[in-house]
Protein backbone atom coordinates (compact mmCIF):
# COMPACT_ATOMS: atom_id res chain seq x y z
CA UNK A 1 24.96 -9.84 53.17
CA UNK A 2 22.81 -10.54 56.61
CA UNK A 3 19.39 -9.84 55.43
CA UNK A 4 20.02 -12.50 52.81
CA UNK A 5 21.12 -14.71 55.03
CA UNK A 6 18.27 -14.15 57.03
CA UNK A 7 16.36 -14.52 54.15
CA UNK A 8 17.31 -17.59 52.89
CA UNK A 9 17.46 -19.22 56.77
CA UNK A 10 13.75 -17.93 56.93
CA UNK A 11 12.57 -19.45 53.85
CA UNK A 12 14.52 -23.46 54.66
CA UNK A 13 12.63 -23.18 58.18
CA UNK A 14 8.93 -22.29 56.22
CA UNK A 15 9.37 -25.01 53.72
CA UNK A 16 11.91 -27.33 55.95
CA UNK A 17 8.42 -28.27 58.23
CA UNK A 18 6.27 -29.38 55.56
CA UNK A 19 6.02 -32.96 54.84
CA UNK A 20 4.24 -35.10 51.82
CA UNK A 21 3.60 -38.44 51.11
CA UNK A 22 2.41 -40.63 47.73
CA UNK A 23 1.58 -43.71 46.71
CA UNK A 24 -1.11 -45.93 44.18
CA UNK A 25 -3.63 -47.45 46.27
CA UNK A 26 -6.60 -50.20 45.87
CA UNK A 27 -9.78 -49.05 46.42
CA UNK A 28 -13.16 -51.03 46.73
CA UNK A 29 -15.96 -48.79 45.84
CA UNK A 30 -18.82 -49.86 48.63
CA UNK A 31 -21.59 -47.28 47.73
CA UNK A 32 -22.78 -43.86 47.14
CA UNK A 33 -24.26 -41.05 48.25
CA UNK A 34 -25.51 -38.07 47.21
CA UNK A 35 -24.45 -34.36 49.03
CA UNK A 36 -26.05 -31.32 47.98
CA UNK A 37 -26.01 -31.49 44.35
CA UNK A 38 -23.08 -33.89 43.80
CA UNK A 39 -22.92 -38.03 43.90
CA UNK A 40 -20.01 -39.38 45.67
CA UNK A 41 -19.00 -43.06 45.51
CA UNK A 42 -17.96 -44.31 48.98
CA UNK A 43 -14.47 -46.19 49.06
CA UNK A 44 -12.80 -48.67 51.32
CA UNK A 45 -9.38 -49.23 51.52
CA UNK A 46 -8.03 -52.92 50.06
CA UNK A 47 -5.61 -54.46 52.44
CA UNK A 48 -3.38 -52.55 55.11
CA UNK A 49 -2.56 -48.62 55.34
CA UNK A 50 1.08 -48.33 53.77
CA UNK A 51 3.87 -47.38 56.35
CA UNK A 52 5.21 -44.09 55.84
CA UNK A 53 1.36 -42.39 55.66
CA UNK A 54 1.03 -39.39 57.30
CA UNK A 55 -2.28 -39.60 58.62
CA UNK A 56 -3.10 -43.58 58.04
CA UNK A 57 -6.96 -43.21 59.43
CA UNK A 58 -7.58 -41.15 56.26
CA UNK A 59 -6.60 -43.38 53.90
CA UNK A 60 -8.96 -46.35 55.39
CA UNK A 61 -11.87 -44.98 53.92
CA UNK A 62 -12.68 -41.84 51.61
CA UNK A 63 -15.24 -39.81 49.52
CA UNK A 64 -14.53 -40.05 45.38
CA UNK A 65 -17.03 -37.70 43.23
CA UNK A 66 -18.16 -40.18 40.81
CA UNK A 67 -16.80 -38.35 37.46
CA UNK A 68 -13.38 -39.29 38.61
CA UNK A 69 -13.99 -42.63 38.55
CA UNK A 70 -15.45 -43.22 35.17
CA UNK A 71 -17.50 -46.05 34.63
CA UNK A 72 -17.03 -47.60 37.51
CA UNK A 73 -20.12 -48.53 39.70
CA UNK A 74 -20.78 -50.29 43.20
CA UNK A 75 -18.42 -52.96 43.87
CA UNK A 76 -15.39 -52.31 41.58
CA UNK A 77 -12.31 -51.76 42.73
CA UNK A 78 -9.96 -48.88 41.64
CA UNK A 79 -6.05 -47.88 41.39
CA UNK A 80 -6.05 -44.65 42.96
CA UNK A 81 -3.13 -41.68 43.52
CA UNK A 82 -3.05 -41.03 46.84
CA UNK A 83 -1.27 -37.68 48.05
CA UNK A 84 -0.98 -36.35 51.37
CA UNK A 85 0.35 -33.29 52.77
CA UNK A 86 1.13 -31.73 55.71
CA UNK A 87 1.79 -27.45 56.32
CA UNK A 88 4.41 -26.42 58.28
CA UNK A 89 4.32 -24.73 61.49
CA UNK A 90 3.65 -21.17 60.65
CA UNK A 91 1.06 -22.07 58.23
CA UNK A 92 -2.06 -24.99 58.22
CA UNK A 93 -0.56 -27.87 60.08
CA UNK A 94 -3.15 -30.30 59.17
CA UNK A 95 -2.89 -33.26 57.10
CA UNK A 96 -4.48 -32.85 53.67
CA UNK A 97 -5.73 -36.48 51.33
CA UNK A 98 -5.95 -36.06 47.95
CA UNK A 99 -7.33 -39.38 46.08
CA UNK A 100 -6.74 -38.76 41.94
CA UNK A 101 -6.32 -40.14 38.48
CA UNK A 102 -8.42 -43.72 39.53
CA UNK A 103 -8.85 -46.25 37.19
CA UNK A 104 -10.91 -49.60 37.19
CA UNK A 105 -8.31 -52.52 38.25
């Protein structure tokens, strides 16, 4: 019984320190650039960074592969699902930002 309690407590500790945040944000496409064989849009956040973001600076501007925003071009605004995840103290504790499901606004 003690071993089971120790395993459960260990699992809670490992998963309890992680965090995530998600919200739909509006970005404007300000330019494009090529990196190796891929083309990217350079996105800038429209408005202020929302409260509760794990790493607000990473939300102000971000690259996005052009194929992830079909029929979009420089000057267009996009609505994107944005998620930030932070690992736990025992693994990778860096904040990772994912920008997905972008559609023209």
